[in-house]
C-alpha atoms as a PDB file:
ATOM      1  CA  MET A   1     -35.041  24.766  -9.506  1.00  0.00           C
ATOM      2  CA  LYS A   2     -37.633  22.722 -11.650  1.00  0.00           C
ATOM      3  CA  PHE A   3     -35.530  23.668 -14.902  1.00  0.00           C
ATOM      4  CA  LEU A   4     -32.267  22.583 -13.279  1.00  0.00           C
ATOM      5  CA  SER A   5     -33.533  19.354 -12.143  1.00  0.00           C
ATOM      6  CA  LEU A   6     -34.928  18.896 -15.508  1.00  0.00           C
ATOM      7  CA  ILE A   7     -31.190  19.484 -17.222  1.00  0.00           C
ATOM      8  CA  ILE A   8     -29.868  17.136 -14.500  1.00  0.00           C
ATOM      9  CA  ALA A   9     -32.178  14.307 -15.420  1.00  0.00           C
ATOM     10  CA  VAL A  10     -31.580  14.698 -18.979  1.00  0.00           C
ATOM     11  CA  LEU A  11     -27.721  14.415 -18.288  1.00  0.00           C
ATOM     12  CA  VAL A  12     -27.962  11.319 -16.188  1.00  0.00           C
ATOM     13  CA  ALA A  13     -29.963   9.933 -19.081  1.00  0.00           C
ATOM     14  CA  ILE A  14     -27.623  10.784 -21.733  1.00  0.00           C
ATOM     15  CA  HIS A  15     -24.633   9.131 -19.450  1.00  0.00           C
ATOM     16  CA  SER A  16     -26.863   5.930 -18.969  1.00  0.00           C
ATOM     17  CA  VAL A  17     -27.211   5.750 -22.964  1.00  0.00           C
ATOM     18  CA  TRP A  18     -23.848   6.600 -23.412  1.00  0.00           C
ATOM     19  CA  THR A  19     -22.690   3.852 -20.998  1.00  0.00           C
ATOM     20  CA  ALA A  20     -24.540   1.272 -22.762  1.00  0.00           C
ATOM     21  CA  SER A  21     -23.526   1.968 -26.197  1.00  0.00           C
ATOM     22  CA  ALA A  22     -19.722   2.158 -25.212  1.00  0.00           C
ATOM     23  CA  SER A  23     -20.298  -1.299 -23.997  1.00  0.00           C
ATOM     24  CA  GLY A  24     -21.448  -2.494 -27.444  1.00  0.00           C
ATOM     25  CA  GLN A  25     -24.400  -3.868 -25.759  1.00  0.00           C
ATOM     26  CA  ASP A  26     -26.765  -3.805 -22.826  1.00  0.00           C
ATOM     27  CA  HIS A  27     -26.537  -6.397 -20.155  1.00  0.00           C
ATOM     28  CA  ALA A  28     -30.029  -7.784 -20.939  1.00  0.00           C
ATOM     29  CA  ASP A  29     -28.560  -8.852 -24.361  1.00  0.00           C
ATOM     30  CA  PHE A  30     -26.220 -11.295 -22.568  1.00  0.00           C
ATOM     31  CA  PRO A  31     -26.696 -14.215 -20.229  1.00  0.00           C
ATOM     32  CA  ALA A  32     -26.000 -13.889 -16.758  1.00  0.00           C
ATOM     33  CA  LEU A  33     -22.898 -15.749 -15.288  1.00  0.00           C
ATOM     34  CA  SER A  34     -23.307 -16.866 -11.729  1.00  0.00           C
ATOM     35  CA  TYR A  35     -20.268 -15.976  -9.547  1.00  0.00           C
ATOM     36  CA  GLN A  36     -20.003 -14.569  -6.164  1.00  0.00           C
ATOM     37  CA  VAL A  37     -17.445 -12.300  -4.534  1.00  0.00           C
ATOM     38  CA  VAL A  38     -15.083 -13.725  -1.770  1.00  0.00           C
ATOM     39  CA  PRO A  39     -14.934 -10.860   0.753  1.00  0.00           C
ATOM     40  CA  GLY A  40     -11.612 -10.065   2.615  1.00  0.00           C
ATOM     41  CA  PHE A  41      -9.573 -12.926   0.514  1.00  0.00           C
ATOM     42  CA  PHE A  42      -6.286 -10.664   0.661  1.00  0.00           C
ATOM     43  CA  LYS A  43      -4.698 -10.658   3.760  1.00  0.00           C
ATOM     44  CA  LEU A  44      -2.349  -7.509   3.633  1.00  0.00           C
ATOM     45  CA  PRO A  45       0.254  -6.649   6.129  1.00  0.00           C
ATOM     46  CA  ASP A  46      -0.344  -3.888   8.808  1.00  0.00           C
ATOM     47  CA  HIS A  47       0.079  -0.402   7.350  1.00  0.00           C
ATOM     48  CA  PHE A  48       0.114  -1.918   3.655  1.00  0.00           C
ATOM     49  CA  ASN A  49      -2.122  -0.542   0.936  1.00  0.00           C
ATOM     50  CA  PHE A  50      -2.355  -0.946  -2.737  1.00  0.00           C
ATOM     51  CA  GLY A  51      -2.493   2.113  -5.097  1.00  0.00           C
ATOM     52  CA  GLU A  52      -4.596   1.916  -8.424  1.00  0.00           C
ATOM     53  CA  VAL A  53      -4.430  -1.820  -9.378  1.00  0.00           C
ATOM     54  CA  SER A  54      -3.693  -2.298 -12.860  1.00  0.00           C
ATOM     55  CA  GLY A  55      -2.586  -5.921 -13.274  1.00  0.00           C
ATOM     56  CA  VAL A  56      -3.340  -9.203 -11.874  1.00  0.00           C
ATOM     57  CA  VAL A  57      -1.736 -12.796 -12.902  1.00  0.00           C
ATOM     58  CA  LEU A  58      -1.707 -16.310 -11.569  1.00  0.00           C
ATOM     59  CA  ASP A  59       1.308 -18.770 -11.874  1.00  0.00           C
ATOM     60  CA  GLN A  60       1.063 -22.560 -12.022  1.00  0.00           C
ATOM     61  CA  ARG A  61       1.005 -22.788  -8.218  1.00  0.00           C
ATOM     62  CA  GLY A  62      -1.968 -20.483  -7.929  1.00  0.00           C
ATOM     63  CA  HIS A  63       0.255 -17.739  -6.457  1.00  0.00           C
ATOM     64  CA  ILE A  64      -1.514 -14.436  -7.042  1.00  0.00           C
ATOM     65  CA  PHE A  65       0.779 -11.201  -8.575  1.00  0.00           C
ATOM     66  CA  ILE A  66      -0.670  -7.882  -8.298  1.00  0.00           C
ATOM     67  CA  PHE A  67       0.468  -5.076 -10.064  1.00  0.00           C
ATOM     68  CA  ASN A  68      -0.407  -1.336  -8.449  1.00  0.00           C
ATOM     69  CA  ARG A  69       0.458   2.216  -8.302  1.00  0.00           C
ATOM     70  CA  GLY A  70       1.268   2.181  -4.810  1.00  0.00           C
ATOM     71  CA  PRO A  71       4.591   2.210  -2.668  1.00  0.00           C
ATOM     72  CA  GLN A  72       5.078  -1.375  -3.290  1.00  0.00           C
ATOM     73  CA  PRO A  73       3.843  -2.080  -7.022  1.00  0.00           C
ATOM     74  CA  LEU A  74       4.330  -5.759  -7.447  1.00  0.00           C
ATOM     75  CA  VAL A  75       3.289  -7.929  -4.576  1.00  0.00           C
ATOM     76  CA  GLU A  76       2.965 -11.704  -4.473  1.00  0.00           C
ATOM     77  CA  PHE A  77       0.196 -13.935  -2.461  1.00  0.00           C
ATOM     78  CA  THR A  78      -0.418 -17.345  -1.935  1.00  0.00           C
ATOM     79  CA  ALA A  79      -3.426 -19.169  -3.715  1.00  0.00           C
ATOM     80  CA  SER A  80      -5.025 -18.675  -0.240  1.00  0.00           C
ATOM     81  CA  GLY A  81      -4.500 -15.002  -0.205  1.00  0.00           C
ATOM     82  CA  LYS A  82      -1.733 -14.795   2.193  1.00  0.00           C
ATOM     83  CA  PHE A  83       0.941 -12.109   1.699  1.00  0.00           C
ATOM     84  CA  VAL A  84       4.436 -13.462   0.484  1.00  0.00           C
ATOM     85  CA  ARG A  85       6.714 -10.713  -0.732  1.00  0.00           C
ATOM     86  CA  THR A  86       7.126  -7.471  -2.987  1.00  0.00           C
ATOM     87  CA  ILE A  87       9.058  -7.782  -6.139  1.00  0.00           C
ATOM     88  CA  GLY A  88      11.210  -5.315  -8.018  1.00  0.00           C
ATOM     89  CA  ASP A  89      10.948  -2.401  -5.399  1.00  0.00           C
ATOM     90  CA  GLY A  90      12.047   0.758  -6.997  1.00  0.00           C
ATOM     91  CA  LEU A  91      11.960  -0.309 -10.712  1.00  0.00           C
ATOM     92  CA  PHE A  92       8.239   0.890 -11.702  1.00  0.00           C
ATOM     93  CA  GLU A  93       6.961   4.486 -12.044  1.00  0.00           C
ATOM     94  CA  GLY A  94       3.785   4.000 -14.039  1.00  0.00           C
ATOM     95  CA  SER A  95       2.574   0.300 -13.604  1.00  0.00           C
ATOM     96  CA  HIS A  96       0.165  -0.948 -15.994  1.00  0.00           C
ATOM     97  CA  GLY A  97       0.373  -4.515 -17.777  1.00  0.00           C
ATOM     98  CA  LEU A  98       1.337  -7.653 -15.869  1.00  0.00           C
ATOM     99  CA  ARG A  99       1.736 -10.969 -17.632  1.00  0.00           C
ATOM    100  CA  ILE A 100       3.277 -14.347 -16.768  1.00  0.00           C
ATOM    101  CA  ASP A 101       5.137 -16.451 -19.744  1.00  0.00           C
ATOM    102  CA  PRO A 102       5.243 -20.222 -19.669  1.00  0.00           C
ATOM    103  CA  GLN A 103       8.609 -20.246 -18.076  1.00  0.00           C
ATOM    104  CA  GLY A 104       7.206 -18.345 -15.149  1.00  0.00           C
ATOM    105  CA  ASN A 105       8.805 -15.271 -15.641  1.00  0.00           C
ATOM    106  CA  LEU A 106       6.785 -12.197 -15.055  1.00  0.00           C
ATOM    107  CA  TRP A 107       6.438  -9.294 -17.524  1.00  0.00           C
ATOM    108  CA  THR A 108       5.491  -5.623 -16.760  1.00  0.00           C
ATOM    109  CA  THR A 109       4.587  -2.780 -18.853  1.00  0.00           C
ATOM    110  CA  ASP A 110       5.120   0.696 -17.386  1.00  0.00           C
ATOM    111  CA  VAL A 111       3.588   3.788 -18.939  1.00  0.00           C
ATOM    112  CA  THR A 112       5.758   6.293 -17.394  1.00  0.00           C
ATOM    113  CA  THR A 113       9.125   4.841 -18.060  1.00  0.00           C
ATOM    114  CA  ASN A 114       8.305   3.525 -21.709  1.00  0.00           C
ATOM    115  CA  VAL A 115       9.987  -0.052 -20.759  1.00  0.00           C
ATOM    116  CA  VAL A 116       9.001  -3.607 -20.771  1.00  0.00           C
ATOM    117  CA  LEU A 117      10.654  -5.811 -18.409  1.00  0.00           C
ATOM    118  CA  ARG A 118      10.859  -9.552 -17.639  1.00  0.00           C
ATOM    119  CA  LEU A 119      11.706 -10.628 -14.181  1.00  0.00           C
ATOM    120  CA  ASN A 120      12.719 -14.127 -13.125  1.00  0.00           C
ATOM    121  CA  ARG A 121      11.367 -15.930 -10.197  1.00  0.00           C
ATOM    122  CA  GLU A 122      13.776 -14.245  -7.794  1.00  0.00           C
ATOM    123  CA  GLY A 123      12.750 -10.761  -9.021  1.00  0.00           C
ATOM    124  CA  HIS A 124      15.834  -9.995 -11.033  1.00  0.00           C
ATOM    125  CA  VAL A 125      15.415  -7.979 -14.145  1.00  0.00           C
ATOM    126  CA  THR A 126      16.564 -10.630 -17.296  1.00  0.00           C
ATOM    127  CA  MET A 127      15.307  -8.596 -20.105  1.00  0.00           C
ATOM    128  CA  VAL A 128      14.639  -4.729 -20.961  1.00  0.00           C
ATOM    129  CA  LEU A 129      12.576  -3.713 -23.839  1.00  0.00           C
ATOM    130  CA  GLY A 130      12.488  -0.010 -24.495  1.00  0.00           C
ATOM    131  CA  ARG A 131      14.779   2.779 -23.036  1.00  0.00           C
ATOM    132  CA  LYS A 132      13.914   4.058 -19.537  1.00  0.00           C
ATOM    133  CA  GLY A 133      12.534   7.668 -19.803  1.00  0.00           C
ATOM    134  CA  ARG A 134      12.744   7.834 -23.757  1.00  0.00           C
ATOM    135  CA  ALA A 135       9.676   7.650 -25.714  1.00  0.00           C
ATOM    136  CA  GLY A 136       9.539   6.901 -29.480  1.00  0.00           C
ATOM    137  CA  GLU A 137       8.121   5.057 -32.556  1.00  0.00           C
ATOM    138  CA  THR A 138      11.072   2.988 -33.263  1.00  0.00           C
ATOM    139  CA  GLU A 139      12.306  -0.559 -33.245  1.00  0.00           C
ATOM    140  CA  SER A 140      13.671   0.159 -29.734  1.00  0.00           C
ATOM    141  CA  LEU A 141      11.489   2.718 -28.263  1.00  0.00           C
ATOM    142  CA  PHE A 142       8.001   2.747 -26.954  1.00  0.00           C
ATOM    143  CA  ASN A 143       5.451   5.306 -26.025  1.00  0.00           C
ATOM    144  CA  GLN A 144       3.211   4.144 -23.212  1.00  0.00           C
ATOM    145  CA  PRO A 145       3.242   0.676 -23.771  1.00  0.00           C
ATOM    146  CA  THR A 146       0.235  -1.366 -22.333  1.00  0.00           C
ATOM    147  CA  ASP A 147       0.461  -5.101 -22.609  1.00  0.00           C
ATOM    148  CA  ILE A 148       2.348  -8.059 -23.491  1.00  0.00           C
ATOM    149  CA  GLY A 149       1.558 -11.442 -25.189  1.00  0.00           C
ATOM    150  CA  PHE A 150       3.340 -14.577 -26.128  1.00  0.00           C
ATOM    151  CA  GLY A 151       3.522 -16.435 -29.356  1.00  0.00           C
ATOM    152  CA  PRO A 152       3.710 -20.438 -29.858  1.00  0.00           C
ATOM    153  CA  ASN A 153       7.352 -20.018 -30.794  1.00  0.00           C
ATOM    154  CA  GLY A 154       8.507 -17.776 -27.933  1.00  0.00           C
ATOM    155  CA  GLU A 155       7.414 -14.413 -29.817  1.00  0.00           C
ATOM    156  CA  ILE A 156       6.883 -11.349 -27.834  1.00  0.00           C
ATOM    157  CA  PHE A 157       3.733  -9.011 -29.017  1.00  0.00           C
ATOM    158  CA  VAL A 158       3.786  -5.619 -27.120  1.00  0.00           C
ATOM    159  CA  THR A 159       0.649  -3.132 -27.340  1.00  0.00           C
ATOM    160  CA  ASP A 160       2.200   0.251 -27.811  1.00  0.00           C
ATOM    161  CA  GLY A 161      -0.442   1.705 -26.718  1.00  0.00           C
ATOM    162  CA  TYR A 162      -1.279   5.161 -25.315  1.00  0.00           C
ATOM    163  CA  GLY A 163       1.095   7.399 -27.038  1.00  0.00           C
ATOM    164  CA  ASN A 164       1.545   5.079 -30.164  1.00  0.00           C
ATOM    165  CA  SER A 165      -1.017   2.853 -31.888  1.00  0.00           C
ATOM    166  CA  ARG A 166       0.726  -0.280 -32.739  1.00  0.00           C
ATOM    167  CA  ILE A 167       1.580  -3.771 -32.093  1.00  0.00           C
ATOM    168  CA  VAL A 168       5.353  -4.481 -31.718  1.00  0.00           C
ATOM    169  CA  LYS A 169       6.717  -8.076 -32.281  1.00  0.00           C
ATOM    170  CA  PHE A 170       9.921  -9.388 -31.152  1.00  0.00           C
ATOM    171  CA  ASP A 171      11.627 -12.754 -31.154  1.00  0.00           C
ATOM    172  CA  GLY A 172      12.357 -14.606 -27.822  1.00  0.00           C
ATOM    173  CA  GLN A 173      15.654 -13.156 -27.690  1.00  0.00           C
ATOM    174  CA  GLY A 174      14.008  -9.596 -27.679  1.00  0.00           C
ATOM    175  CA  GLN A 175      15.156  -9.042 -31.189  1.00  0.00           C
ATOM    176  CA  PHE A 176      12.847  -6.745 -33.140  1.00  0.00           C
ATOM    177  CA  ILE A 177      10.920  -8.206 -35.955  1.00  0.00           C
ATOM    178  CA  LYS A 178       7.984  -6.167 -37.096  1.00  0.00           C
ATOM    179  CA  ALA A 179       5.339  -3.488 -35.954  1.00  0.00           C
ATOM    180  CA  TRP A 180       1.867  -2.618 -37.555  1.00  0.00           C
ATOM    181  CA  GLY A 181      -0.693  -0.530 -37.097  1.00  0.00           C
ATOM    182  CA  LYS A 182      -1.452   3.306 -36.807  1.00  0.00           C
ATOM    183  CA  LYS A 183      -4.184   5.727 -35.239  1.00  0.00           C
ATOM    184  CA  GLY A 184      -7.623   5.247 -36.555  1.00  0.00           C
ATOM    185  CA  ASN A 185     -10.641   2.733 -36.651  1.00  0.00           C
ATOM    186  CA  GLY A 186     -10.180   1.010 -39.980  1.00  0.00           C
ATOM    187  CA  PRO A 187      -9.039  -2.602 -40.289  1.00  0.00           C
ATOM    188  CA  GLY A 188      -5.610  -2.791 -38.422  1.00  0.00           C
ATOM    189  CA  GLU A 189      -5.845   0.489 -37.001  1.00  0.00           C
ATOM    190  CA  PHE A 190      -6.119   1.278 -33.303  1.00  0.00           C
ATOM    191  CA  ASN A 191      -7.623   3.662 -30.666  1.00  0.00           C
ATOM    192  CA  LEU A 192      -5.640   2.749 -27.742  1.00  0.00           C
ATOM    193  CA  PRO A 193      -4.372  -0.910 -28.111  1.00  0.00           C
ATOM    194  CA  HIS A 194      -4.685  -1.792 -24.526  1.00  0.00           C
ATOM    195  CA  THR A 195      -4.468  -5.795 -24.155  1.00  0.00           C
ATOM    196  CA  ILE A 196      -3.053  -8.768 -26.140  1.00  0.00           C
ATOM    197  CA  VAL A 197      -3.174 -12.682 -25.804  1.00  0.00           C
ATOM    198  CA  VAL A 198      -2.429 -15.362 -28.778  1.00  0.00           C
ATOM    199  CA  ASP A 199      -4.635 -18.030 -28.659  1.00  0.00           C
ATOM    200  CA  PRO A 200      -4.087 -21.791 -29.594  1.00  0.00           C
ATOM    201  CA  ARG A 201      -4.905 -21.231 -33.311  1.00  0.00           C
ATOM    202  CA  GLY A 202      -2.264 -18.824 -33.603  1.00  0.00           C
ATOM    203  CA  ARG A 203      -4.298 -15.867 -33.754  1.00  0.00           C
ATOM    204  CA  VAL A 204      -3.130 -12.410 -32.299  1.00  0.00           C
ATOM    205  CA  ILE A 205      -6.287 -10.902 -30.018  1.00  0.00           C
ATOM    206  CA  VAL A 206      -5.953  -7.244 -29.541  1.00  0.00           C
ATOM    207  CA  GLY A 207      -8.156  -5.569 -27.377  1.00  0.00           C
ATOM    208  CA  ASP A 208      -8.734  -2.079 -29.079  1.00  0.00           C
ATOM    209  CA  ARG A 209     -10.021  -0.387 -26.272  1.00  0.00           C
ATOM    210  CA  ASP A 210     -11.223   2.894 -27.562  1.00  0.00           C
ATOM    211  CA  ASN A 211     -12.650   1.408 -30.551  1.00  0.00           C
ATOM    212  CA  MET A 212     -14.659  -0.844 -28.530  1.00  0.00           C
ATOM    213  CA  ARG A 213     -13.824  -3.727 -30.458  1.00  0.00           C
ATOM    214  CA  ILE A 214     -11.402  -6.997 -30.481  1.00  0.00           C
ATOM    215  CA  GLN A 215      -9.422  -7.175 -33.504  1.00  0.00           C
ATOM    216  CA  LEU A 216      -7.527 -10.680 -34.540  1.00  0.00           C
ATOM    217  CA  PHE A 217      -4.514 -11.071 -36.466  1.00  0.00           C
ATOM    218  CA  ASP A 218      -2.223 -13.957 -37.711  1.00  0.00           C
ATOM    219  CA  LEU A 219       1.190 -14.037 -36.411  1.00  0.00           C
ATOM    220  CA  ASP A 220       2.794 -11.849 -39.193  1.00  0.00           C
ATOM    221  CA  GLY A 221       0.206  -9.104 -38.304  1.00  0.00           C
ATOM    222  CA  ASN A 222      -2.185  -9.691 -41.123  1.00  0.00           C
ATOM    223  CA  TYR A 223      -5.691  -8.596 -40.230  1.00  0.00           C
ATOM    224  CA  LEU A 224      -8.405 -11.416 -40.063  1.00  0.00           C
ATOM    225  CA  ALA A 225     -11.343 -10.121 -38.346  1.00  0.00           C
ATOM    226  CA  GLN A 226     -12.744  -8.336 -35.476  1.00  0.00           C
ATOM    227  CA  TRP A 227     -15.731  -8.490 -33.053  1.00  0.00           C
ATOM    228  CA  THR A 228     -17.613  -5.165 -31.899  1.00  0.00           C
ATOM    229  CA  HIS A 229     -20.313  -6.680 -29.890  1.00  0.00           C
ATOM    230  CA  ALA A 230     -18.554  -7.400 -26.618  1.00  0.00           C
ATOM    231  CA  GLY A 231     -17.817  -4.128 -25.287  1.00  0.00           C
ATOM    232  CA  SER A 232     -14.697  -2.309 -24.740  1.00  0.00           C
ATOM    233  CA  PRO A 233     -11.633  -4.654 -24.037  1.00  0.00           C
ATOM    234  CA  TRP A 234      -9.656  -3.223 -21.026  1.00  0.00           C
ATOM    235  CA  GLY A 235      -8.332  -6.644 -20.041  1.00  0.00           C
ATOM    236  CA  LEU A 236      -8.385 -10.257 -21.799  1.00  0.00           C
ATOM    237  CA  GLU A 237      -7.196 -13.586 -20.389  1.00  0.00           C
ATOM    238  CA  LEU A 238      -7.264 -16.870 -22.341  1.00  0.00           C
ATOM    239  CA  THR A 239      -7.771 -19.837 -20.050  1.00  0.00           C
ATOM    240  CA  LYS A 240      -6.490 -23.654 -20.873  1.00  0.00           C
ATOM    241  CA  ASP A 241     -10.047 -24.619 -21.735  1.00  0.00           C
ATOM    242  CA  GLY A 242     -10.364 -22.350 -24.747  1.00  0.00           C
ATOM    243  CA  PHE A 243     -12.310 -19.606 -23.427  1.00  0.00           C
ATOM    244  CA  LEU A 244     -11.815 -15.868 -23.580  1.00  0.00           C
ATOM    245  CA  PHE A 245     -12.656 -13.637 -20.529  1.00  0.00           C
ATOM    246  CA  MET A 246     -12.822  -9.771 -20.817  1.00  0.00           C
ATOM    247  CA  VAL A 247     -13.357  -7.064 -18.405  1.00  0.00           C
ATOM    248  CA  ASP A 248     -14.819  -3.789 -19.742  1.00  0.00           C
ATOM    249  CA  GLY A 249     -13.908  -0.942 -17.747  1.00  0.00           C
ATOM    250  CA  TYR A 250     -16.317   1.627 -19.062  1.00  0.00           C
ATOM    251  CA  ALA A 251     -19.315  -0.976 -18.249  1.00  0.00           C
ATOM    252  CA  ASN A 252     -17.670  -2.496 -15.264  1.00  0.00           C
ATOM    253  CA  ARG A 253     -18.294  -6.080 -15.930  1.00  0.00           C
ATOM    254  CA  VAL A 254     -16.576  -9.321 -16.958  1.00  0.00           C
ATOM    255  CA  VAL A 255     -17.546 -10.787 -20.161  1.00  0.00           C
ATOM    256  CA  LYS A 256     -17.036 -14.535 -20.987  1.00  0.00           C
ATOM    257  CA  LEU A 257     -16.603 -15.396 -24.719  1.00  0.00           C
ATOM    258  CA  ASP A 258     -15.820 -18.494 -27.050  1.00  0.00           C
ATOM    259  CA  LEU A 259     -12.798 -18.419 -29.480  1.00  0.00           C
ATOM    260  CA  ASP A 260     -15.482 -17.690 -32.238  1.00  0.00           C
ATOM    261  CA  GLY A 261     -16.387 -14.410 -30.245  1.00  0.00           C
ATOM    262  CA  ASN A 262     -19.666 -15.595 -29.189  1.00  0.00           C
ATOM    263  CA  VAL A 263     -20.579 -13.856 -25.958  1.00  0.00           C
ATOM    264  CA  LEU A 264     -21.472 -16.672 -23.344  1.00  0.00           C
ATOM    265  CA  GLY A 265     -22.429 -14.344 -20.600  1.00  0.00           C
ATOM    266  CA  THR A 266     -21.479 -11.629 -18.211  1.00  0.00           C
ATOM    267  CA  PHE A 267     -21.522 -10.422 -14.525  1.00  0.00           C
ATOM    268  CA  GLY A 268     -20.893  -7.130 -12.655  1.00  0.00           C
ATOM    269  CA  ALA A 269     -21.883  -3.651 -12.308  1.00  0.00           C
ATOM    270  CA  ALA A 270     -20.372  -0.228 -11.333  1.00  0.00           C
ATOM    271  CA  GLY A 271     -19.914   0.561  -7.788  1.00  0.00           C
ATOM    272  CA  LYS A 272     -17.674   0.774  -4.734  1.00  0.00           C
ATOM    273  CA  THR A 273     -19.005  -2.043  -2.399  1.00  0.00           C
ATOM    274  CA  GLU A 274     -17.834  -5.412  -2.821  1.00  0.00           C
ATOM    275  CA  GLY A 275     -18.740  -7.370  -5.814  1.00  0.00           C
ATOM    276  CA  ARG A 276     -19.012  -4.159  -8.115  1.00  0.00           C
ATOM    277  CA  PHE A 277     -16.220  -2.600 -10.015  1.00  0.00           C
ATOM    278  CA  ALA A 278     -14.863   0.758 -10.676  1.00  0.00           C
ATOM    279  CA  PHE A 279     -12.647   0.707 -13.895  1.00  0.00           C
ATOM    280  CA  ALA A 280     -12.325  -2.962 -14.169  1.00  0.00           C
ATOM    281  CA  HIS A 281      -8.958  -3.019 -15.648  1.00  0.00           C
ATOM    282  CA  SER A 282      -7.223  -6.610 -15.820  1.00  0.00           C
ATOM    283  CA  ILE A 283      -8.607 -10.065 -15.482  1.00  0.00           C
ATOM    284  CA  ALA A 284      -6.803 -13.565 -14.356  1.00  0.00           C
ATOM    285  CA  VAL A 285      -8.710 -16.921 -14.175  1.00  0.00           C
ATOM    286  CA  GLY A 286      -7.835 -19.724 -11.963  1.00  0.00           C
ATOM    287  CA  LYS A 287      -7.758 -23.641 -12.711  1.00  0.00           C
ATOM    288  CA  GLN A 288     -10.893 -24.175 -10.616  1.00  0.00           C
ATOM    289  CA  GLY A 289     -12.641 -21.136 -12.437  1.00  0.00           C
ATOM    290  CA  GLU A 290     -12.116 -18.653  -9.817  1.00  0.00           C
ATOM    291  CA  ILE A 291     -11.823 -15.035 -11.282  1.00  0.00           C
ATOM    292  CA  PHE A 292      -9.654 -12.101 -10.064  1.00  0.00           C
ATOM    293  CA  VAL A 293     -10.547  -8.579 -11.180  1.00  0.00           C
ATOM    294  CA  ALA A 294      -8.108  -5.583 -10.773  1.00  0.00           C
ATOM    295  CA  GLU A 295      -9.763  -2.295 -10.324  1.00  0.00           C
ATOM    296  CA  ILE A 296      -8.165   1.007 -11.148  1.00  0.00           C
ATOM    297  CA  LEU A 297     -10.593   3.197  -9.122  1.00  0.00           C
ATOM    298  CA  ASN A 298     -11.101   1.010  -6.177  1.00  0.00           C
ATOM    299  CA  TRP A 299      -7.698   0.326  -5.574  1.00  0.00           C
ATOM    300  CA  ARG A 300      -8.035  -3.506  -5.204  1.00  0.00           C
ATOM    301  CA  VAL A 301      -8.334  -6.906  -6.652  1.00  0.00           C
ATOM    302  CA  GLN A 302     -11.581  -9.018  -5.830  1.00  0.00           C
ATOM    303  CA  LYS A 303     -11.769 -12.687  -6.328  1.00  0.00           C
ATOM    304  CA  PHE A 304     -15.192 -14.370  -7.598  1.00  0.00           C
ATOM    305  CA  VAL A 305     -15.765 -17.918  -7.380  1.00  0.00           C
ATOM    306  CA  PRO A 306     -18.598 -19.776  -9.477  1.00  0.00           C
ATOM    307  CA  ILE A 307     -21.966 -20.558  -7.622  1.00  0.00           C
ATOM    308  CA  ARG A 308     -22.343 -24.494  -8.226  1.00  0.00           C
ATOM    309  CA  LYS A 309     -25.963 -25.174  -8.863  1.00  0.00           C
END
């Protein structure tokens, strides 16, 4: 029994070391951000539950849209957490990425059907990229796409994702322009491109999840730089005031960076109770600095607000 206990202790220690290294750096290396959870923020209808939650976004009104793997995959709430409606019932099979463009359209990626959809405010499909049920690596086919970003001239960037290891660029009308990337860990290569945003400097910022890094490109896909110190980027959110927020689903924390890649602080820890995370997957930030984090393993979205000193 003593030998078995020793083996278990060693395995736990190895797991702890791997978790820290997978995150790039330990929490102690970064300042702590002061946020507190808002318990019971979302008012769900009777008998309504989320499945695994993969995406969360906010619109200009502060309404919150949640993408999950339950019976009603896409759900809208008011800024105060009141249920509004479900959207696009029957459209989704493998909910993953969720974004909102400057015109207020919702964009989704589905890792089961291999399609990217654009939905208008009424919930009607107004653009389809990819072919439902078909996987490939062509101008018109994806293989488990994960996220969408938008360029300054309406360009659409798709991280194509679990099956492929590339970024696909389209114009605003959905016409293919180019693709770049392949499986690997060199510059411009990817091991699960999982999340993407385009910053005000015209840089395409890609969360290269299992390479534990963020890669930066120009709008034509030319490699610029990489940041390897912040952890594993599962979700990225760019704020209006020029900060980049990241969720690391391995370390289960939120990371705040400036646009030069400096880590300004972190918060969060693994767990099942309120205020902790289990596979933190997506993040959205509101106008007042409030943060929403979507979790795969806890089947929820939590709201956090800054602690004012």
